[in-house]
PDB file of N, CA and C in Angstrom:
ATOM      1  N   MET A   1       5.621  -4.375  -8.812  1.00  0.00           N
ATOM      2  CA  MET A   1       4.008  -3.697  -7.835  1.00  0.00           C
ATOM      3  C   MET A   1       4.696  -2.259  -7.299  1.00  0.00           C
ATOM      4  N   THR A   2       3.687  -1.542  -6.410  1.00  0.00           N
ATOM      5  CA  THR A   2       3.881  -0.496  -6.375  1.00  0.00           C
ATOM      6  C   THR A   2       3.358  -0.140  -4.772  1.00  0.00           C
ATOM      7  N   GLY A   3       3.882  -0.027  -3.959  1.00  0.00           N
ATOM      8  CA  GLY A   3       2.831   0.563  -2.908  1.00  0.00           C
ATOM      9  C   GLY A   3       2.520   2.005  -2.548  1.00  0.00           C
ATOM     10  N   HIS A   4       1.426   2.401  -1.995  1.00  0.00           N
ATOM     11  CA  HIS A   4       1.001   3.698  -1.888  1.00  0.00           C
ATOM     12  C   HIS A   4       0.676   3.509  -0.355  1.00  0.00           C
ATOM     13  N   ALA A   5       0.866   5.250   0.167  1.00  0.00           N
ATOM     14  CA  ALA A   5       0.165   5.648   1.739  1.00  0.00           C
ATOM     15  C   ALA A   5      -1.045   6.911   1.140  1.00  0.00           C
ATOM     16  N   ASP A   6      -1.136   6.724   2.699  1.00  0.00           N
ATOM     17  CA  ASP A   6      -2.402   7.928   2.952  1.00  0.00           C
ATOM     18  C   ASP A   6      -1.616   9.715   2.738  1.00  0.00           C
ATOM     19  N   ARG A   7      -2.034  10.289   3.214  1.00  0.00           N
ATOM     20  CA  ARG A   7      -1.818  11.346   3.254  1.00  0.00           C
ATOM     21  C   ARG A   7      -0.740  12.230   4.740  1.00  0.00           C
ATOM     22  N   LEU A   8      -1.563  11.246   5.662  1.00  0.00           N
ATOM     23  CA  LEU A   8      -1.328  11.619   7.055  1.00  0.00           C
ATOM     24  C   LEU A   8       0.436  10.958   7.227  1.00  0.00           C
ATOM     25  N   GLY A   9       0.780  11.838   8.002  1.00  0.00           N
ATOM     26  CA  GLY A   9       2.361  11.363   8.416  1.00  0.00           C
ATOM     27  C   GLY A   9       3.146  12.304   7.701  1.00  0.00           C
ATOM     28  N   SER A  10       4.568  12.371   7.428  1.00  0.00           N
ATOM     29  CA  SER A  10       5.015  13.262   6.608  1.00  0.00           C
ATOM     30  C   SER A  10       5.592  12.268   5.229  1.00  0.00           C
ATOM     31  N   LYS A  11       6.522  13.030   4.334  1.00  0.00           N
ATOM     32  CA  LYS A  11       6.402  12.953   2.960  1.00  0.00           C
ATOM     33  C   LYS A  11       7.271  11.612   3.400  1.00  0.00           C
ATOM     34  N   THR A  12       8.484  11.857   3.769  1.00  0.00           N
ATOM     35  CA  THR A  12       9.402  10.824   3.972  1.00  0.00           C
ATOM     36  C   THR A  12       9.166   9.512   4.764  1.00  0.00           C
ATOM     37  N   TYR A  13       8.278   9.656   5.756  1.00  0.00           N
ATOM     38  CA  TYR A  13       7.273   8.342   5.920  1.00  0.00           C
ATOM     39  C   TYR A  13       6.690   7.925   5.392  1.00  0.00           C
ATOM     40  N   ASN A  14       5.816   8.282   4.746  1.00  0.00           N
ATOM     41  CA  ASN A  14       5.283   7.846   3.984  1.00  0.00           C
ATOM     42  C   ASN A  14       5.640   7.527   2.469  1.00  0.00           C
ATOM     43  N   LEU A  15       6.709   7.554   2.330  1.00  0.00           N
ATOM     44  CA  LEU A  15       7.543   6.915   1.137  1.00  0.00           C
ATOM     45  C   LEU A  15       8.005   5.680   1.931  1.00  0.00           C
ATOM     46  N   GLU A  16       8.694   5.458   3.200  1.00  0.00           N
ATOM     47  CA  GLU A  16       9.193   4.361   3.776  1.00  0.00           C
ATOM     48  C   GLU A  16       8.416   3.171   3.909  1.00  0.00           C
ATOM     49  N   LEU A  17       6.818   3.761   4.302  1.00  0.00           N
ATOM     50  CA  LEU A  17       5.501   3.169   4.763  1.00  0.00           C
ATOM     51  C   LEU A  17       5.662   2.632   3.562  1.00  0.00           C
ATOM     52  N   SER A  18       5.053   3.188   2.262  1.00  0.00           N
ATOM     53  CA  SER A  18       4.524   2.913   0.978  1.00  0.00           C
ATOM     54  C   SER A  18       5.829   1.418   0.377  1.00  0.00           C
ATOM     55  N   LEU A  19       7.202   1.597   0.891  1.00  0.00           N
ATOM     56  CA  LEU A  19       8.155   0.586   0.056  1.00  0.00           C
ATOM     57  C   LEU A  19       7.511  -0.252   1.058  1.00  0.00           C
ATOM     58  N   LYS A  20       7.764  -0.365   2.353  1.00  0.00           N
ATOM     59  CA  LYS A  20       7.610  -1.416   3.109  1.00  0.00           C
ATOM     60  C   LYS A  20       6.112  -2.087   2.906  1.00  0.00           C
ATOM     61  N   ARG A  21       5.594  -1.349   2.364  1.00  0.00           N
ATOM     62  CA  ARG A  21       3.975  -2.462   1.977  1.00  0.00           C
ATOM     63  C   ARG A  21       4.309  -2.918   1.025  1.00  0.00           C
ATOM     64  N   ALA A  22       4.907  -2.536   0.069  1.00  0.00           N
ATOM     65  CA  ALA A  22       5.160  -3.286  -1.515  1.00  0.00           C
ATOM     66  C   ALA A  22       6.479  -4.561  -1.021  1.00  0.00           C
ATOM     67  N   GLU A  23       7.065  -4.509  -0.432  1.00  0.00           N
ATOM     68  CA  GLU A  23       7.875  -5.295   0.017  1.00  0.00           C
ATOM     69  C   GLU A  23       7.466  -6.440   0.870  1.00  0.00           C
ATOM     70  N   ALA A  24       6.378  -6.101   1.801  1.00  0.00           N
ATOM     71  CA  ALA A  24       5.918  -7.023   2.267  1.00  0.00           C
ATOM     72  C   ALA A  24       5.360  -8.034   1.415  1.00  0.00           C
ATOM     73  N   VAL A  25       4.189  -7.274   0.908  1.00  0.00           N
ATOM     74  CA  VAL A  25       3.359  -8.472  -0.355  1.00  0.00           C
ATOM     75  C   VAL A  25       4.592  -9.017  -1.213  1.00  0.00           C
ATOM     76  N   ALA A  26       5.274  -8.360  -1.782  1.00  0.00           N
ATOM     77  CA  ALA A  26       6.631  -9.458  -2.469  1.00  0.00           C
ATOM     78  C   ALA A  26       7.150 -10.676  -1.530  1.00  0.00           C
ATOM     79  N   ALA A  27       7.931  -9.999  -0.769  1.00  0.00           N
ATOM     80  CA  ALA A  27       7.591 -11.292   0.257  1.00  0.00           C
ATOM     81  C   ALA A  27       6.794 -12.162   0.084  1.00  0.00           C
ATOM     82  N   TYR A  28       6.106 -12.075   0.309  1.00  0.00           N
ATOM     83  CA  TYR A  28       4.682 -13.452   0.704  1.00  0.00           C
ATOM     84  C   TYR A  28       4.662 -13.989  -0.638  1.00  0.00           C
ATOM     85  N   LEU A  29       4.376 -12.801  -1.826  1.00  0.00           N
ATOM     86  CA  LEU A  29       4.389 -13.895  -2.762  1.00  0.00           C
ATOM     87  C   LEU A  29       5.758 -14.819  -3.801  1.00  0.00           C
ATOM     88  N   ARG A  30       6.471 -14.585  -3.272  1.00  0.00           N
ATOM     89  CA  ARG A  30       8.024 -15.089  -3.095  1.00  0.00           C
ATOM     90  C   ARG A  30       7.876 -16.711  -2.309  1.00  0.00           C
ATOM     91  N   ASN A  31       7.894 -16.490  -0.855  1.00  0.00           N
ATOM     92  CA  ASN A  31       8.202 -17.409   0.303  1.00  0.00           C
ATOM     93  C   ASN A  31       7.012 -17.819  -0.074  1.00  0.00           C
ATOM     94  N   GLU A  32       5.589 -17.718  -0.110  1.00  0.00           N
ATOM     95  CA  GLU A  32       3.925 -18.194   0.172  1.00  0.00           C
ATOM     96  C   GLU A  32       3.327 -18.744  -1.502  1.00  0.00           C
ATOM     97  N   VAL A  33       3.538 -18.328  -2.138  1.00  0.00           N
ATOM     98  CA  VAL A  33       3.002 -18.823  -3.882  1.00  0.00           C
ATOM     99  C   VAL A  33       4.023 -19.505  -4.473  1.00  0.00           C
ATOM    100  N   GLY A  34       5.324 -18.714  -4.009  1.00  0.00           N
ATOM    101  CA  GLY A  34       6.371 -19.510  -4.976  1.00  0.00           C
ATOM    102  C   GLY A  34       6.764 -18.664  -6.366  1.00  0.00           C
ATOM    103  N   LEU A  35       6.376 -17.524  -6.068  1.00  0.00           N
ATOM    104  CA  LEU A  35       7.167 -16.838  -7.470  1.00  0.00           C
ATOM    105  C   LEU A  35       8.543 -16.585  -7.788  1.00  0.00           C
ATOM    106  N   PRO A  36       9.088 -16.583  -8.565  1.00  0.00           N
ATOM    107  CA  PRO A  36      10.417 -16.290  -8.827  1.00  0.00           C
ATOM    108  C   PRO A  36      10.972 -15.256  -8.386  1.00  0.00           C
ATOM    109  N   VAL A  37      11.818 -15.216  -7.202  1.00  0.00           N
ATOM    110  CA  VAL A  37      13.050 -14.153  -6.462  1.00  0.00           C
ATOM    111  C   VAL A  37      13.018 -12.832  -7.740  1.00  0.00           C
ATOM    112  N   GLY A  38      13.469 -12.951  -9.553  1.00  0.00           N
ATOM    113  CA  GLY A  38      14.115 -12.013  -9.929  1.00  0.00           C
ATOM    114  C   GLY A  38      12.594 -11.767 -11.070  1.00  0.00           C
ATOM    115  N   SER A  39      11.180 -11.698 -10.339  1.00  0.00           N
ATOM    116  CA  SER A  39      10.463 -11.611 -11.575  1.00  0.00           C
ATOM    117  C   SER A  39       9.645 -10.877 -10.742  1.00  0.00           C
ATOM    118  N   ILE A  40       9.732 -10.070  -9.511  1.00  0.00           N
ATOM    119  CA  ILE A  40       8.780  -9.320  -8.999  1.00  0.00           C
ATOM    120  C   ILE A  40       9.689  -7.824  -8.917  1.00  0.00           C
ATOM    121  N   GLY A  41       9.688  -6.634  -9.268  1.00  0.00           N
ATOM    122  CA  GLY A  41       9.848  -5.458  -9.116  1.00  0.00           C
ATOM    123  C   GLY A  41       9.055  -4.968  -8.302  1.00  0.00           C
ATOM    124  N   VAL A  42       9.668  -3.731  -7.405  1.00  0.00           N
ATOM    125  CA  VAL A  42       8.863  -3.274  -6.027  1.00  0.00           C
ATOM    126  C   VAL A  42       9.472  -1.928  -6.008  1.00  0.00           C
ATOM    127  N   ALA A  43       7.980  -1.052  -6.211  1.00  0.00           N
ATOM    128  CA  ALA A  43       8.442   0.488  -6.381  1.00  0.00           C
ATOM    129  C   ALA A  43       7.526   1.439  -5.155  1.00  0.00           C
ATOM    130  N   ALA A  44       8.048   2.173  -5.051  1.00  0.00           N
ATOM    131  CA  ALA A  44       7.212   3.579  -3.879  1.00  0.00           C
ATOM    132  C   ALA A  44       6.932   4.347  -4.158  1.00  0.00           C
ATOM    133  N   MET A  45       5.132   5.148  -4.217  1.00  0.00           N
ATOM    134  CA  MET A  45       4.929   6.104  -4.233  1.00  0.00           C
ATOM    135  C   MET A  45       4.610   6.925  -2.977  1.00  0.00           C
ATOM    136  N   GLY A  46       4.418   6.676  -1.762  1.00  0.00           N
ATOM    137  CA  GLY A  46       4.302   7.575  -0.937  1.00  0.00           C
ATOM    138  C   GLY A  46       3.002   7.975  -1.346  1.00  0.00           C
ATOM    139  N   GLU A  47       2.517   9.168  -0.442  1.00  0.00           N
ATOM    140  CA  GLU A  47       1.327   9.751  -0.958  1.00  0.00           C
ATOM    141  C   GLU A  47       0.786  10.558  -2.684  1.00  0.00           C
ATOM    142  N   ALA A  48       1.793  10.616  -3.144  1.00  0.00           N
ATOM    143  CA  ALA A  48       1.863  10.889  -4.693  1.00  0.00           C
ATOM    144  C   ALA A  48       0.931  10.561  -5.343  1.00  0.00           C
ATOM    145  N   ARG A  49       0.164   9.339  -5.249  1.00  0.00           N
ATOM    146  CA  ARG A  49      -0.692   9.054  -5.956  1.00  0.00           C
ATOM    147  C   ARG A  49      -2.356   8.587  -5.718  1.00  0.00           C
ATOM    148  N   PRO A  50      -2.958   9.641  -4.577  1.00  0.00           N
ATOM    149  CA  PRO A  50      -4.201   8.368  -4.113  1.00  0.00           C
ATOM    150  C   PRO A  50      -5.687   8.349  -4.754  1.00  0.00           C
ATOM    151  N   LEU A  51      -6.358   7.663  -4.110  1.00  0.00           N
ATOM    152  CA  LEU A  51      -6.935   7.137  -5.087  1.00  0.00           C
ATOM    153  C   LEU A  51      -8.010   7.945  -4.915  1.00  0.00           C
ATOM    154  N   VAL A  52      -8.577   8.475  -3.719  1.00  0.00           N
ATOM    155  CA  VAL A  52      -8.939   9.616  -2.685  1.00  0.00           C
ATOM    156  C   VAL A  52      -8.957  10.616  -1.740  1.00  0.00           C
ATOM    157  N   GLY A  53      -9.683  11.455  -1.858  1.00  0.00           N
ATOM    158  CA  GLY A  53      -8.988  12.639  -1.085  1.00  0.00           C
ATOM    159  C   GLY A  53      -9.510  13.547   0.116  1.00  0.00           C
ATOM    160  N   CYS A  54     -10.579  13.023  -0.076  1.00  0.00           N
ATOM    161  CA  CYS A  54     -11.618  13.362   1.894  1.00  0.00           C
ATOM    162  C   CYS A  54     -11.442  14.570   2.327  1.00  0.00           C
ATOM    163  N   PRO A  55     -11.647  15.640   1.491  1.00  0.00           N
ATOM    164  CA  PRO A  55     -11.298  17.389   1.993  1.00  0.00           C
ATOM    165  C   PRO A  55     -12.445  17.806   3.091  1.00  0.00           C
ATOM    166  N   THR A  56     -13.234  17.063   3.565  1.00  0.00           N
ATOM    167  CA  THR A  56     -13.785  17.837   4.429  1.00  0.00           C
ATOM    168  C   THR A  56     -14.693  16.408   5.615  1.00  0.00           C
ATOM    169  N   GLU A  57     -13.286  15.901   5.508  1.00  0.00           N
ATOM    170  CA  GLU A  57     -13.270  14.953   6.749  1.00  0.00           C
ATOM    171  C   GLU A  57     -12.603  14.606   7.822  1.00  0.00           C
ATOM    172  N   ASN A  58     -12.651  14.663   8.616  1.00  0.00           N
ATOM    173  CA  ASN A  58     -11.585  14.638  10.154  1.00  0.00           C
ATOM    174  C   ASN A  58     -11.761  13.836  11.049  1.00  0.00           C
ATOM    175  N   GLY A  59     -10.401  13.723  11.350  1.00  0.00           N
ATOM    176  CA  GLY A  59     -10.181  12.606  12.892  1.00  0.00           C
ATOM    177  C   GLY A  59     -10.356  11.231  12.860  1.00  0.00           C
ATOM    178  N   ASP A  60     -10.982  10.488  12.994  1.00  0.00           N
ATOM    179  CA  ASP A  60     -11.183   8.964  12.833  1.00  0.00           C
ATOM    180  C   ASP A  60     -11.537   9.145  11.848  1.00  0.00           C
ATOM    181  N   ALA A  61     -12.920  10.071  11.079  1.00  0.00           N
ATOM    182  CA  ALA A  61     -13.662   9.940   9.688  1.00  0.00           C
ATOM    183  C   ALA A  61     -12.740  10.052   8.911  1.00  0.00           C
ATOM    184  N   LEU A  62     -11.568  10.987   8.823  1.00  0.00           N
ATOM    185  CA  LEU A  62     -10.792  11.077   7.880  1.00  0.00           C
ATOM    186  C   LEU A  62      -9.365   9.692   7.571  1.00  0.00           C
ATOM    187  N   LYS A  63      -9.116   9.779   8.354  1.00  0.00           N
ATOM    188  CA  LYS A  63      -8.318   8.158   8.430  1.00  0.00           C
ATOM    189  C   LYS A  63      -9.314   6.956   7.908  1.00  0.00           C
ATOM    190  N   ALA A  64     -10.339   7.192   8.667  1.00  0.00           N
ATOM    191  CA  ALA A  64     -11.253   5.582   7.350  1.00  0.00           C
ATOM    192  C   ALA A  64     -11.247   6.389   5.991  1.00  0.00           C
ATOM    193  N   CYS A  65     -11.829   7.024   6.233  1.00  0.00           N
ATOM    194  CA  CYS A  65     -11.778   7.712   4.296  1.00  0.00           C
ATOM    195  C   CYS A  65     -10.681   7.351   3.997  1.00  0.00           C
ATOM    196  N   LEU A  66      -9.291   7.821   4.285  1.00  0.00           N
ATOM    197  CA  LEU A  66      -8.289   7.379   3.166  1.00  0.00           C
ATOM    198  C   LEU A  66      -7.473   6.214   3.173  1.00  0.00           C
ATOM    199  N   ALA A  67      -8.215   5.227   3.451  1.00  0.00           N
ATOM    200  CA  ALA A  67      -8.431   3.668   3.860  1.00  0.00           C
ATOM    201  C   ALA A  67      -7.954   3.402   2.442  1.00  0.00           C
ATOM    202  N   PRO A  68      -8.648   3.742   1.630  1.00  0.00           N
ATOM    203  CA  PRO A  68      -8.119   2.895   0.092  1.00  0.00           C
ATOM    204  C   PRO A  68      -6.841   3.203  -0.697  1.00  0.00           C
ATOM    205  N   ASN A  69      -5.937   4.757  -0.026  1.00  0.00           N
ATOM    206  CA  ASN A  69      -4.980   5.160  -0.344  1.00  0.00           C
ATOM    207  C   ASN A  69      -3.520   4.498   0.303  1.00  0.00           C
ATOM    208  N   ARG A  70      -4.146   3.832   1.216  1.00  0.00           N
ATOM    209  CA  ARG A  70      -3.071   2.492   1.553  1.00  0.00           C
ATOM    210  C   ARG A  70      -2.992   1.077   1.084  1.00  0.00           C
ATOM    211  N   ARG A  71      -2.071   0.925  -0.028  1.00  0.00           N
ATOM    212  CA  ARG A  71      -2.685  -0.206  -0.851  1.00  0.00           C
ATOM    213  C   ARG A  71      -1.298  -0.222  -1.548  1.00  0.00           C
ATOM    214  N   VAL A  72      -1.285  -1.562  -1.884  1.00  0.00           N
ATOM    215  CA  VAL A  72      -0.184  -2.135  -2.919  1.00  0.00           C
ATOM    216  C   VAL A  72      -0.981  -2.783  -4.428  1.00  0.00           C
ATOM    217  N   GLU A  73       0.015  -1.988  -5.127  1.00  0.00           N
ATOM    218  CA  GLU A  73      -1.017  -2.694  -6.617  1.00  0.00           C
ATOM    219  C   GLU A  73      -0.007  -3.195  -7.464  1.00  0.00           C
ATOM    220  N   VAL A  74      -0.609  -4.265  -7.658  1.00  0.00           N
ATOM    221  CA  VAL A  74       0.394  -5.418  -8.540  1.00  0.00           C
ATOM    222  C   VAL A  74       0.099  -5.381 -10.016  1.00  0.00           C
ATOM    223  N   VAL A  75       0.623  -5.459 -10.983  1.00  0.00           N
ATOM    224  CA  VAL A  75       0.916  -5.690 -12.436  1.00  0.00           C
ATOM    225  C   VAL A  75       1.365  -6.628 -12.539  1.00  0.00           C
ATOM    226  N   PHE A  76       0.942  -7.522 -13.570  1.00  0.00           N
ATOM    227  CA  PHE A  76       1.716  -8.688 -13.979  1.00  0.00           C
ATOM    228  C   PHE A  76       1.942  -8.467 -15.538  1.00  0.00           C
ATOM    229  N   VAL A  77       3.002  -8.244 -16.335  1.00  0.00           N
ATOM    230  CA  VAL A  77       3.483  -7.722 -17.335  1.00  0.00           C
ATOM    231  C   VAL A  77       3.844  -9.204 -17.742  1.00  0.00           C
ATOM    232  N   GLY A  78       3.793  -8.796 -19.566  1.00  0.00           N
ATOM    233  CA  GLY A  78       4.080 -10.257 -20.249  1.00  0.00           C
ATOM    234  C   GLY A  78       3.649 -11.405 -19.902  1.00  0.00           C
ATOM    235  N   HIS A  79       4.038 -12.307 -20.115  1.00  0.00           N
ATOM    236  CA  HIS A  79       3.458 -14.082 -20.225  1.00  0.00           C
ATOM    237  C   HIS A  79       3.895 -14.701 -18.700  1.00  0.00           C
ATOM    238  N   ALA A  80       3.230 -14.776 -18.151  1.00  0.00           N
ATOM    239  CA  ALA A  80       3.252 -15.701 -16.586  1.00  0.00           C
ATOM    240  C   ALA A  80       1.717 -16.569 -16.580  1.00  0.00           C
ATOM    241  N   LEU A  81       2.279 -17.628 -15.933  1.00  0.00           N
ATOM    242  CA  LEU A  81       1.337 -18.738 -15.434  1.00  0.00           C
ATOM    243  C   LEU A  81       1.528 -18.828 -14.119  1.00  0.00           C
ATOM    244  N   VAL A  82      -0.043 -18.348 -13.079  1.00  0.00           N
ATOM    245  CA  VAL A  82       0.541 -18.220 -11.652  1.00  0.00           C
ATOM    246  C   VAL A  82      -1.058 -19.782 -11.121  1.00  0.00           C
ATOM    247  N   ASP A  83      -0.378 -20.468 -10.900  1.00  0.00           N
ATOM    248  CA  ASP A  83      -1.213 -21.677 -10.360  1.00  0.00           C
ATOM    249  C   ASP A  83      -1.101 -22.236  -8.953  1.00  0.00           C
ATOM    250  N   HIS A  84      -1.570 -21.749  -8.272  1.00  0.00           N
ATOM    251  CA  HIS A  84      -1.591 -22.272  -6.978  1.00  0.00           C
ATOM    252  C   HIS A  84      -2.770 -22.424  -6.669  1.00  0.00           C
ATOM    253  N   ASP A  85      -2.966 -22.658  -5.153  1.00  0.00           N
ATOM    254  CA  ASP A  85      -4.397 -23.263  -4.503  1.00  0.00           C
ATOM    255  C   ASP A  85      -4.978 -22.244  -3.474  1.00  0.00           C
ATOM    256  N   ARG A  86      -4.454 -20.677  -3.299  1.00  0.00           N
ATOM    257  CA  ARG A  86      -5.339 -20.020  -2.757  1.00  0.00           C
ATOM    258  C   ARG A  86      -4.825 -18.481  -3.726  1.00  0.00           C
ATOM    259  N   ILE A  87      -5.799 -17.674  -3.122  1.00  0.00           N
ATOM    260  CA  ILE A  87      -5.448 -15.728  -3.832  1.00  0.00           C
ATOM    261  C   ILE A  87      -5.364 -15.922  -2.201  1.00  0.00           C
ATOM    262  N   MET A  88      -4.497 -14.510  -2.331  1.00  0.00           N
ATOM    263  CA  MET A  88      -5.149 -13.667  -0.622  1.00  0.00           C
ATOM    264  C   MET A  88      -5.496 -12.388  -1.112  1.00  0.00           C
ATOM    265  N   LEU A  89      -6.078 -11.938  -0.258  1.00  0.00           N
ATOM    266  CA  LEU A  89      -6.085 -10.396   0.446  1.00  0.00           C
ATOM    267  C   LEU A  89      -5.733 -10.059   1.202  1.00  0.00           C
ATOM    268  N   VAL A  90      -4.689  -9.006   0.984  1.00  0.00           N
ATOM    269  CA  VAL A  90      -3.390  -8.420   1.583  1.00  0.00           C
ATOM    270  C   VAL A  90      -4.496  -7.345   2.367  1.00  0.00           C
ATOM    271  N   ARG A  91      -4.809  -7.184   3.102  1.00  0.00           N
ATOM    272  CA  ARG A  91      -5.323  -5.966   3.525  1.00  0.00           C
ATOM    273  C   ARG A  91      -4.886  -5.518   5.356  1.00  0.00           C
ATOM    274  N   GLU A  92      -4.640  -3.978   5.510  1.00  0.00           N
ATOM    275  CA  GLU A  92      -3.952  -3.609   6.267  1.00  0.00           C
ATOM    276  C   GLU A  92      -4.574  -3.144   7.168  1.00  0.00           C
ATOM    277  N   ILE A  93      -4.533  -3.546   8.738  1.00  0.00           N
ATOM    278  CA  ILE A  93      -5.007  -2.997   9.479  1.00  0.00           C
ATOM    279  C   ILE A  93      -4.353  -2.319  11.085  1.00  0.00           C
ATOM    280  N   GLU A  94      -4.889  -1.913  11.761  1.00  0.00           N
ATOM    281  CA  GLU A  94      -3.546  -0.627  12.782  1.00  0.00           C
ATOM    282  C   GLU A  94      -3.975  -1.439  14.324  1.00  0.00           C
ATOM    283  N   SER A  95      -3.083  -1.464  15.288  1.00  0.00           N
ATOM    284  CA  SER A  95      -3.247  -1.975  15.953  1.00  0.00           C
ATOM    285  C   SER A  95      -2.138  -1.271  17.042  1.00  0.00           C
ATOM    286  N   GLY A  96      -2.181  -0.718  17.895  1.00  0.00           N
ATOM    287  CA  GLY A  96      -1.341   0.347  18.699  1.00  0.00           C
ATOM    288  C   GLY A  96      -0.655   0.991  18.042  1.00  0.00           C
ATOM    289  N   GLY A  97      -1.334   1.735  17.148  1.00  0.00           N
ATOM    290  CA  GLY A  97      -0.117   2.864  16.228  1.00  0.00           C
ATOM    291  C   GLY A  97       0.524   2.266  15.483  1.00  0.00           C
ATOM    292  N   ALA A  98       0.735   0.952  15.366  1.00  0.00           N
ATOM    293  CA  ALA A  98       1.706   0.353  14.403  1.00  0.00           C
ATOM    294  C   ALA A  98       0.949   0.146  13.017  1.00  0.00           C
ATOM    295  N   ASP A  99       1.216  -0.121  11.509  1.00  0.00           N
ATOM    296  CA  ASP A  99       0.631  -0.658  10.942  1.00  0.00           C
ATOM    297  C   ASP A  99       1.086  -2.275  10.636  1.00  0.00           C
ATOM    298  N   LEU A 100       0.371  -3.271  10.828  1.00  0.00           N
ATOM    299  CA  LEU A 100       0.477  -4.981  10.327  1.00  0.00           C
ATOM    300  C   LEU A 100      -0.276  -5.271   9.277  1.00  0.00           C
ATOM    301  N   ILE A 101       0.288  -6.299   8.690  1.00  0.00           N
ATOM    302  CA  ILE A 101      -0.529  -6.479   7.194  1.00  0.00           C
ATOM    303  C   ILE A 101      -1.319  -8.209   8.266  1.00  0.00           C
ATOM    304  N   GLU A 102      -2.390  -8.508   7.438  1.00  0.00           N
ATOM    305  CA  GLU A 102      -3.345  -9.224   7.999  1.00  0.00           C
ATOM    306  C   GLU A 102      -3.565 -10.117   6.324  1.00  0.00           C
ATOM    307  N   ILE A 103      -3.418 -10.829   6.466  1.00  0.00           N
ATOM    308  CA  ILE A 103      -3.651 -12.057   5.159  1.00  0.00           C
ATOM    309  C   ILE A 103      -4.693 -13.141   5.407  1.00  0.00           C
ATOM    310  N   GLU A 104      -5.629 -12.816   4.716  1.00  0.00           N
ATOM    311  CA  GLU A 104      -6.683 -13.790   4.713  1.00  0.00           C
ATOM    312  C   GLU A 104      -7.043 -14.301   3.447  1.00  0.00           C
ATOM    313  N   GLU A 105      -7.058 -15.304   3.519  1.00  0.00           N
ATOM    314  CA  GLU A 105      -7.777 -16.494   2.388  1.00  0.00           C
ATOM    315  C   GLU A 105      -8.674 -16.103   2.131  1.00  0.00           C
ATOM    316  N   ILE A 106      -9.126 -15.662   0.889  1.00  0.00           N
ATOM    317  CA  ILE A 106     -10.437 -15.749   0.160  1.00  0.00           C
ATOM    318  C   ILE A 106     -10.681 -16.620  -0.768  1.00  0.00           C
ATOM    319  N   ALA A 107      -9.880 -17.076  -1.461  1.00  0.00           N
ATOM    320  CA  ALA A 107     -10.746 -18.128  -3.104  1.00  0.00           C
ATOM    321  C   ALA A 107      -9.470 -18.668  -2.756  1.00  0.00           C
ATOM    322  N   ARG A 108      -9.838 -19.995  -3.718  1.00  0.00           N
ATOM    323  CA  ARG A 108      -9.041 -20.682  -4.616  1.00  0.00           C
ATOM    324  C   ARG A 108      -9.257 -20.598  -5.911  1.00  0.00           C
ATOM    325  N   THR A 109      -8.039 -20.516  -6.745  1.00  0.00           N
ATOM    326  CA  THR A 109      -8.219 -20.018  -8.038  1.00  0.00           C
ATOM    327  C   THR A 109      -6.802 -20.392  -8.949  1.00  0.00           C
ATOM    328  N   THR A 110      -6.876 -19.925 -10.449  1.00  0.00           N
ATOM    329  CA  THR A 110      -5.468 -20.226 -11.033  1.00  0.00           C
ATOM    330  C   THR A 110      -5.947 -18.741 -11.682  1.00  0.00           C
ATOM    331  N   VAL A 111      -4.722 -18.260 -12.236  1.00  0.00           N
ATOM    332  CA  VAL A 111      -4.796 -17.322 -12.844  1.00  0.00           C
ATOM    333  C   VAL A 111      -3.914 -16.771 -13.985  1.00  0.00           C
ATOM    334  N   THR A 112      -4.421 -17.116 -15.279  1.00  0.00           N
ATOM    335  CA  THR A 112      -3.323 -16.924 -16.004  1.00  0.00           C
ATOM    336  C   THR A 112      -3.306 -15.997 -17.179  1.00  0.00           C
ATOM    337  N   ILE A 113      -2.158 -14.740 -16.918  1.00  0.00           N
ATOM    338  CA  ILE A 113      -1.936 -13.499 -17.688  1.00  0.00           C
ATOM    339  C   ILE A 113      -0.951 -13.631 -19.197  1.00  0.00           C
ATOM    340  N   LEU A 114      -1.679 -13.668 -20.000  1.00  0.00           N
ATOM    341  CA  LEU A 114      -0.667 -13.391 -21.331  1.00  0.00           C
ATOM    342  C   LEU A 114      -0.247 -12.564 -22.165  1.00  0.00           C
ATOM    343  N   ASP A 115       0.650 -11.962 -22.914  1.00  0.00           N
ATOM    344  CA  ASP A 115       0.695 -11.082 -23.351  1.00  0.00           C
ATOM    345  C   ASP A 115      -0.445 -10.376 -24.492  1.00  0.00           C
TER     346      ASP A 115
END
């Protein structure tokens, strides 16, 4: 899984933040979903691979526009079977200037990924 950040803040800060995002999702998948520890790889891209640029936005509009860049991408590789009671949506929220992770149950599902 790969963590990403928007372009607000320094490159060093964004790289560290994107790593923390990926590690938080990996910890959740290990601890709550039960994926084996060795099966999850974590990487950080910082602000290097944005989904949106928002060149004309400023202030709060810029921050809102850049939200898609603050993400964790999860890729299943090889043969895996994940059968659990719920799938979670991990959504970043802000509170008092600190990034928090809000995890919301959105569905009950079984996911099967094959080569």
